[in-house]
Amino acid sequence: MSILAFADIQFGYSSETHLRLSGSRIDLESGSALGLIGGNGTGKTTLLRILAGVLDGHTGTLEISRGSSRLLIPADLTQLLLPWYSVRKNIALLAAARLRLPEKSQTDAEARLAFLLDDARATALMRRPTWGISTGQRAVIALTAALLRGPDILLLDEIFANTSLKTGTRIAQSLKEYCAKGGILVFTSHRPDVVARLATKILDLEAA
């Protein structure tokens, strides 16, 4: 049974069309991973925002099972992470909309960070403000919070863009585990190896 389905999505401002999926229908069941590919300007980010429910004004069909939760992690993490808050507080806000993590969640977050970054210093990192860390580390922090939150549908915009090969491999492994538990993943990436490893379905927006 499809949890998320969409078809013939179009979006644009005035006479300029930013996204056109004529004749394309995608049905995603629990455990599915949809990779969105295509060059810059083909509408990958626009489609993610429509699927996340943060961009209105489109035409076409969008069906989401009642009660299904969605979470979008944008490519520009300055929209998401508060630079003056510690990593721990940012994860708490994203994961549960509060400033303090329960002890078990904090332990889980530190373990996830240590695994994804291959860094045993995750406990120290949790105390640092996010403005003082790298773009790749910010992506890992946002993903850690998202996986703690556990939405039914997770939408990721270029989560692999600024990560090392080793970190990217570990992110892919964590996302496979998320899907194995029934989560639905929709993601963009310019890395063919990531798409081939992770996606159960691929939508090429240049060909749509």
C-alpha atoms as a PDB file:
ATOM      1  CA  MET A   1       0.000   0.000   0.000  1.00  0.00           C
ATOM      2  CA  SER A   2       1.380   3.404  -1.005  1.00  0.00           C
ATOM      3  CA  ILE A   3       2.156   5.833   1.804  1.00  0.00           C
ATOM      4  CA  LEU A   4       3.261   8.588  -0.573  1.00  0.00           C
ATOM      5  CA  ALA A   5       2.225   8.982  -4.216  1.00  0.00           C
ATOM      6  CA  PHE A   6       2.433  11.844  -6.686  1.00  0.00           C
ATOM      7  CA  ALA A   7       1.780  12.400 -10.393  1.00  0.00           C
ATOM      8  CA  ASP A   8       1.927  15.170 -13.012  1.00  0.00           C
ATOM      9  CA  ILE A   9       3.335  17.707 -10.539  1.00  0.00           C
ATOM     10  CA  GLN A  10       3.952  21.134 -12.039  1.00  0.00           C
ATOM     11  CA  PHE A  11       5.086  24.314 -10.346  1.00  0.00           C
ATOM     12  CA  GLY A  12       6.156  27.733 -11.535  1.00  0.00           C
ATOM     13  CA  TYR A  13       5.960  31.476 -11.016  1.00  0.00           C
ATOM     14  CA  SER A  14       4.023  33.434 -13.679  1.00  0.00           C
ATOM     15  CA  SER A  15       5.038  32.062 -17.102  1.00  0.00           C
ATOM     16  CA  GLU A  16       8.233  30.403 -15.824  1.00  0.00           C
ATOM     17  CA  THR A  17       7.949  26.702 -15.052  1.00  0.00           C
ATOM     18  CA  HIS A  18      10.360  25.386 -12.401  1.00  0.00           C
ATOM     19  CA  LEU A  19       9.098  21.812 -12.317  1.00  0.00           C
ATOM     20  CA  ARG A  20       7.159  19.685 -14.788  1.00  0.00           C
ATOM     21  CA  LEU A  21       6.518  15.961 -14.268  1.00  0.00           C
ATOM     22  CA  SER A  22       4.149  15.281 -17.130  1.00  0.00           C
ATOM     23  CA  GLY A  23       3.006  11.666 -17.236  1.00  0.00           C
ATOM     24  CA  SER A  24       5.176  10.666 -14.270  1.00  0.00           C
ATOM     25  CA  ARG A  25       3.550   8.811 -11.357  1.00  0.00           C
ATOM     26  CA  ILE A  26       5.511   7.598  -8.363  1.00  0.00           C
ATOM     27  CA  ASP A  27       4.104   5.322  -5.645  1.00  0.00           C
ATOM     28  CA  LEU A  28       6.177   4.736  -2.518  1.00  0.00           C
ATOM     29  CA  GLU A  29       5.474   2.043   0.051  1.00  0.00           C
ATOM     30  CA  SER A  30       7.061   1.554   3.466  1.00  0.00           C
ATOM     31  CA  GLY A  31      10.780   0.917   3.086  1.00  0.00           C
ATOM     32  CA  SER A  32      11.094   2.694  -0.274  1.00  0.00           C
ATOM     33  CA  ALA A  33      13.954   5.037  -1.142  1.00  0.00           C
ATOM     34  CA  LEU A  34      13.437   7.408  -4.087  1.00  0.00           C
ATOM     35  CA  GLY A  35      16.521   9.063  -5.565  1.00  0.00           C
ATOM     36  CA  LEU A  36      15.915  12.343  -7.413  1.00  0.00           C
ATOM     37  CA  ILE A  37      18.535  13.047 -10.051  1.00  0.00           C
ATOM     38  CA  GLY A  38      19.069  15.726 -12.693  1.00  0.00           C
ATOM     39  CA  GLY A  39      21.152  18.810 -13.255  1.00  0.00           C
ATOM     40  CA  ASN A  40      20.908  22.091 -11.397  1.00  0.00           C
ATOM     41  CA  GLY A  41      17.634  23.879 -12.058  1.00  0.00           C
ATOM     42  CA  THR A  42      15.620  20.763 -12.941  1.00  0.00           C
ATOM     43  CA  GLY A  43      13.397  21.111  -9.861  1.00  0.00           C
ATOM     44  CA  LYS A  44      14.764  18.547  -7.404  1.00  0.00           C
ATOM     45  CA  THR A  45      14.633  20.904  -4.421  1.00  0.00           C
ATOM     46  CA  THR A  46      11.264  22.275  -5.538  1.00  0.00           C
ATOM     47  CA  LEU A  47       9.814  18.760  -5.626  1.00  0.00           C
ATOM     48  CA  LEU A  48      11.195  17.956  -2.166  1.00  0.00           C
ATOM     49  CA  ARG A  49       9.589  21.097  -0.750  1.00  0.00           C
ATOM     50  CA  ILE A  50       6.248  20.227  -2.369  1.00  0.00           C
ATOM     51  CA  LEU A  51       6.379  16.697  -0.968  1.00  0.00           C
ATOM     52  CA  ALA A  52       7.256  18.106   2.465  1.00  0.00           C
ATOM     53  CA  GLY A  53       4.205  20.372   2.370  1.00  0.00           C
ATOM     54  CA  VAL A  54       6.172  23.622   2.657  1.00  0.00           C
ATOM     55  CA  LEU A  55       5.573  24.835  -0.909  1.00  0.00           C
ATOM     56  CA  ASP A  56       2.042  25.379  -2.200  1.00  0.00           C
ATOM     57  CA  GLY A  57       0.693  26.485  -5.554  1.00  0.00           C
ATOM     58  CA  HIS A  58       1.501  23.352  -7.543  1.00  0.00           C
ATOM     59  CA  THR A  59      -0.790  21.392  -9.836  1.00  0.00           C
ATOM     60  CA  GLY A  60      -1.024  17.624 -10.145  1.00  0.00           C
ATOM     61  CA  THR A  61      -1.726  14.900  -7.613  1.00  0.00           C
ATOM     62  CA  LEU A  62      -0.081  14.457  -4.214  1.00  0.00           C
ATOM     63  CA  GLU A  63      -1.363  11.710  -1.926  1.00  0.00           C
ATOM     64  CA  ILE A  64      -0.059  11.041   1.575  1.00  0.00           C
ATOM     65  CA  SER A  65      -1.537   8.504   3.973  1.00  0.00           C
ATOM     66  CA  ARG A  66      -3.414  10.179   6.788  1.00  0.00           C
ATOM     67  CA  GLY A  67      -1.295  10.674   9.883  1.00  0.00           C
ATOM     68  CA  SER A  68       2.042  10.167   8.118  1.00  0.00           C
ATOM     69  CA  SER A  69       4.723  12.514   9.446  1.00  0.00           C
ATOM     70  CA  ARG A  70       7.198  14.272   7.131  1.00  0.00           C
ATOM     71  CA  LEU A  71      10.545  15.914   7.793  1.00  0.00           C
ATOM     72  CA  LEU A  72      12.654  17.883   5.299  1.00  0.00           C
ATOM     73  CA  ILE A  73      16.389  18.432   5.829  1.00  0.00           C
ATOM     74  CA  PRO A  74      17.310  21.225   3.361  1.00  0.00           C
ATOM     75  CA  ALA A  75      20.660  21.655   1.660  1.00  0.00           C
ATOM     76  CA  ASP A  76      21.054  25.059   3.317  1.00  0.00           C
ATOM     77  CA  LEU A  77      21.347  24.048   6.964  1.00  0.00           C
ATOM     78  CA  THR A  78      21.419  27.686   8.106  1.00  0.00           C
ATOM     79  CA  GLN A  79      17.632  27.405   7.693  1.00  0.00           C
ATOM     80  CA  LEU A  80      17.555  24.604  10.234  1.00  0.00           C
ATOM     81  CA  LEU A  81      20.357  24.823  12.806  1.00  0.00           C
ATOM     82  CA  LEU A  82      20.690  27.678  15.300  1.00  0.00           C
ATOM     83  CA  PRO A  83      24.371  28.714  15.305  1.00  0.00           C
ATOM     84  CA  TRP A  84      24.433  30.048  18.883  1.00  0.00           C
ATOM     85  CA  TYR A  85      23.006  26.792  20.310  1.00  0.00           C
ATOM     86  CA  SER A  86      25.143  23.783  21.087  1.00  0.00           C
ATOM     87  CA  VAL A  87      25.012  20.680  18.937  1.00  0.00           C
ATOM     88  CA  ARG A  88      23.117  18.959  21.777  1.00  0.00           C
ATOM     89  CA  LYS A  89      20.422  21.674  21.887  1.00  0.00           C
ATOM     90  CA  ASN A  90      20.049  21.721  18.110  1.00  0.00           C
ATOM     91  CA  ILE A  91      19.553  17.946  18.043  1.00  0.00           C
ATOM     92  CA  ALA A  92      17.030  18.212  20.874  1.00  0.00           C
ATOM     93  CA  LEU A  93      15.051  20.907  19.058  1.00  0.00           C
ATOM     94  CA  LEU A  94      14.995  19.023  15.764  1.00  0.00           C
ATOM     95  CA  ALA A  95      14.322  15.634  17.305  1.00  0.00           C
ATOM     96  CA  ALA A  96      11.608  16.542  19.773  1.00  0.00           C
ATOM     97  CA  ALA A  97      11.003  20.320  19.698  1.00  0.00           C
ATOM     98  CA  ARG A  98      12.496  20.831  23.158  1.00  0.00           C
ATOM     99  CA  LEU A  99      15.812  21.999  24.567  1.00  0.00           C
ATOM    100  CA  ARG A 100      16.724  18.901  26.561  1.00  0.00           C
ATOM    101  CA  LEU A 101      17.123  15.350  25.312  1.00  0.00           C
ATOM    102  CA  PRO A 102      16.136  12.438  27.540  1.00  0.00           C
ATOM    103  CA  GLU A 103      19.231  10.621  28.780  1.00  0.00           C
ATOM    104  CA  LYS A 104      18.726   7.622  26.469  1.00  0.00           C
ATOM    105  CA  SER A 105      18.190   9.865  23.423  1.00  0.00           C
ATOM    106  CA  GLN A 106      21.331  11.819  24.282  1.00  0.00           C
ATOM    107  CA  THR A 107      23.314   8.587  24.490  1.00  0.00           C
ATOM    108  CA  ASP A 108      21.823   7.439  21.180  1.00  0.00           C
ATOM    109  CA  ALA A 109      22.679  10.787  19.567  1.00  0.00           C
ATOM    110  CA  GLU A 110      26.299  10.622  20.722  1.00  0.00           C
ATOM    111  CA  ALA A 111      26.608   7.044  19.469  1.00  0.00           C
ATOM    112  CA  ARG A 112      25.123   8.022  16.096  1.00  0.00           C
ATOM    113  CA  LEU A 113      27.469  11.002  15.744  1.00  0.00           C
ATOM    114  CA  ALA A 114      30.467   8.869  16.672  1.00  0.00           C
ATOM    115  CA  PHE A 115      29.474   6.268  14.072  1.00  0.00           C
ATOM    116  CA  LEU A 116      28.738   8.709  11.243  1.00  0.00           C
ATOM    117  CA  LEU A 117      31.815  10.852  11.821  1.00  0.00           C
ATOM    118  CA  ASP A 118      34.055   7.938  12.799  1.00  0.00           C
ATOM    119  CA  ASP A 119      35.059  10.094  15.743  1.00  0.00           C
ATOM    120  CA  ALA A 120      35.154   9.000  19.385  1.00  0.00           C
ATOM    121  CA  ARG A 121      35.020  12.678  20.428  1.00  0.00           C
ATOM    122  CA  ALA A 122      31.250  12.943  19.851  1.00  0.00           C
ATOM    123  CA  THR A 123      30.614  13.802  23.519  1.00  0.00           C
ATOM    124  CA  ALA A 124      32.837  16.896  23.238  1.00  0.00           C
ATOM    125  CA  LEU A 125      31.238  17.829  19.899  1.00  0.00           C
ATOM    126  CA  MET A 126      27.780  17.792  21.523  1.00  0.00           C
ATOM    127  CA  ARG A 127      28.823  20.747  23.716  1.00  0.00           C
ATOM    128  CA  ARG A 128      30.121  22.941  20.871  1.00  0.00           C
ATOM    129  CA  PRO A 129      28.044  25.673  19.154  1.00  0.00           C
ATOM    130  CA  THR A 130      27.137  24.745  15.584  1.00  0.00           C
ATOM    131  CA  TRP A 131      28.710  27.889  14.093  1.00  0.00           C
ATOM    132  CA  GLY A 132      32.153  26.469  14.842  1.00  0.00           C
ATOM    133  CA  ILE A 133      31.831  23.171  12.979  1.00  0.00           C
ATOM    134  CA  SER A 134      32.159  22.139   9.334  1.00  0.00           C
ATOM    135  CA  THR A 135      29.353  21.959   6.772  1.00  0.00           C
ATOM    136  CA  GLY A 136      29.708  18.175   6.601  1.00  0.00           C
ATOM    137  CA  GLN A 137      29.413  17.887  10.380  1.00  0.00           C
ATOM    138  CA  ARG A 138      26.283  20.063  10.316  1.00  0.00           C
ATOM    139  CA  ALA A 139      24.711  17.676   7.815  1.00  0.00           C
ATOM    140  CA  VAL A 140      25.486  14.741  10.105  1.00  0.00           C
ATOM    141  CA  ILE A 141      23.998  16.601  13.084  1.00  0.00           C
ATOM    142  CA  ALA A 142      20.770  17.306  11.189  1.00  0.00           C
ATOM    143  CA  LEU A 143      20.548  13.685  10.081  1.00  0.00           C
ATOM    144  CA  THR A 144      21.196  12.445  13.637  1.00  0.00           C
ATOM    145  CA  ALA A 145      18.258  14.519  14.868  1.00  0.00           C
ATOM    146  CA  ALA A 146      16.050  13.341  11.999  1.00  0.00           C
ATOM    147  CA  LEU A 147      16.746   9.670  12.723  1.00  0.00           C
ATOM    148  CA  LEU A 148      16.050  10.200  16.437  1.00  0.00           C
ATOM    149  CA  ARG A 149      12.746  11.832  15.527  1.00  0.00           C
ATOM    150  CA  GLY A 150      11.871   8.977  13.180  1.00  0.00           C
ATOM    151  CA  PRO A 151       9.402  10.514  10.702  1.00  0.00           C
ATOM    152  CA  ASP A 152       7.388   8.267   8.410  1.00  0.00           C
ATOM    153  CA  ILE A 153       8.750  10.170   5.394  1.00  0.00           C
ATOM    154  CA  LEU A 154      12.257  11.669   5.404  1.00  0.00           C
ATOM    155  CA  LEU A 155      13.235  14.128   2.653  1.00  0.00           C
ATOM    156  CA  LEU A 156      16.930  14.957   2.254  1.00  0.00           C
ATOM    157  CA  ASP A 157      18.353  17.612  -0.061  1.00  0.00           C
ATOM    158  CA  GLU A 158      22.009  16.896  -0.931  1.00  0.00           C
ATOM    159  CA  ILE A 159      22.853  15.402   2.473  1.00  0.00           C
ATOM    160  CA  PHE A 160      25.975  13.811   0.931  1.00  0.00           C
ATOM    161  CA  ALA A 161      27.304  16.983  -0.743  1.00  0.00           C
ATOM    162  CA  ASN A 162      29.945  18.019   1.808  1.00  0.00           C
ATOM    163  CA  THR A 163      30.774  14.718   3.451  1.00  0.00           C
ATOM    164  CA  SER A 164      33.821  12.503   3.074  1.00  0.00           C
ATOM    165  CA  LEU A 165      33.584   9.188   1.263  1.00  0.00           C
ATOM    166  CA  LYS A 166      33.712   7.304   4.583  1.00  0.00           C
ATOM    167  CA  THR A 167      31.042   9.489   6.205  1.00  0.00           C
ATOM    168  CA  GLY A 168      28.868   9.228   3.087  1.00  0.00           C
ATOM    169  CA  THR A 169      29.085   5.443   3.224  1.00  0.00           C
ATOM    170  CA  ARG A 170      28.025   5.464   6.881  1.00  0.00           C
ATOM    171  CA  ILE A 171      25.162   7.880   6.178  1.00  0.00           C
ATOM    172  CA  ALA A 172      23.931   5.522   3.435  1.00  0.00           C
ATOM    173  CA  GLN A 173      24.123   2.591   5.866  1.00  0.00           C
ATOM    174  CA  SER A 174      22.082   4.488   8.481  1.00  0.00           C
ATOM    175  CA  LEU A 175      19.480   5.437   5.883  1.00  0.00           C
ATOM    176  CA  LYS A 176      19.202   1.829   4.730  1.00  0.00           C
ATOM    177  CA  GLU A 177      18.492   0.875   8.348  1.00  0.00           C
ATOM    178  CA  TYR A 178      15.849   3.622   8.531  1.00  0.00           C
ATOM    179  CA  CYS A 179      14.127   2.223   5.426  1.00  0.00           C
ATOM    180  CA  ALA A 180      14.422  -1.353   6.717  1.00  0.00           C
ATOM    181  CA  LYS A 181      12.316  -0.254   9.699  1.00  0.00           C
ATOM    182  CA  GLY A 182       9.580   0.984   7.352  1.00  0.00           C
ATOM    183  CA  GLY A 183      10.608   4.578   6.743  1.00  0.00           C
ATOM    184  CA  ILE A 184      10.224   6.205   3.333  1.00  0.00           C
ATOM    185  CA  LEU A 185      13.191   8.177   2.010  1.00  0.00           C
ATOM    186  CA  VAL A 186      13.233  10.748  -0.793  1.00  0.00           C
ATOM    187  CA  PHE A 187      16.646  12.258  -1.465  1.00  0.00           C
ATOM    188  CA  THR A 188      18.656  14.246  -3.994  1.00  0.00           C
ATOM    189  CA  SER A 189      22.277  13.578  -4.857  1.00  0.00           C
ATOM    190  CA  HIS A 190      24.757  14.348  -7.605  1.00  0.00           C
ATOM    191  CA  ARG A 191      26.739  11.226  -6.647  1.00  0.00           C
ATOM    192  CA  PRO A 192      25.788   8.238  -8.865  1.00  0.00           C
ATOM    193  CA  ASP A 193      27.431   5.784  -6.432  1.00  0.00           C
ATOM    194  CA  VAL A 194      25.165   6.973  -3.595  1.00  0.00           C
ATOM    195  CA  VAL A 195      22.028   6.787  -5.733  1.00  0.00           C
ATOM    196  CA  ALA A 196      22.906   3.283  -6.968  1.00  0.00           C
ATOM    197  CA  ARG A 197      23.622   2.067  -3.428  1.00  0.00           C
ATOM    198  CA  LEU A 198      20.598   3.590  -1.707  1.00  0.00           C
ATOM    199  CA  ALA A 199      17.669   4.097  -4.078  1.00  0.00           C
ATOM    200  CA  THR A 200      14.990   1.489  -4.703  1.00  0.00           C
ATOM    201  CA  LYS A 201      13.501   3.841  -7.315  1.00  0.00           C
ATOM    202  CA  ILE A 202      15.046   6.663  -9.343  1.00  0.00           C
ATOM    203  CA  LEU A 203      13.324   9.699 -10.867  1.00  0.00           C
ATOM    204  CA  ASP A 204      15.362  11.634 -13.439  1.00  0.00           C
ATOM    205  CA  LEU A 205      13.857  15.117 -13.550  1.00  0.00           C
ATOM    206  CA  GLU A 206      15.663  15.964 -16.782  1.00  0.00           C
ATOM    207  CA  ALA A 207      13.859  13.100 -18.514  1.00  0.00           C
ATOM    208  CA  ALA A 208      10.470  13.599 -16.793  1.00  0.00           C
END
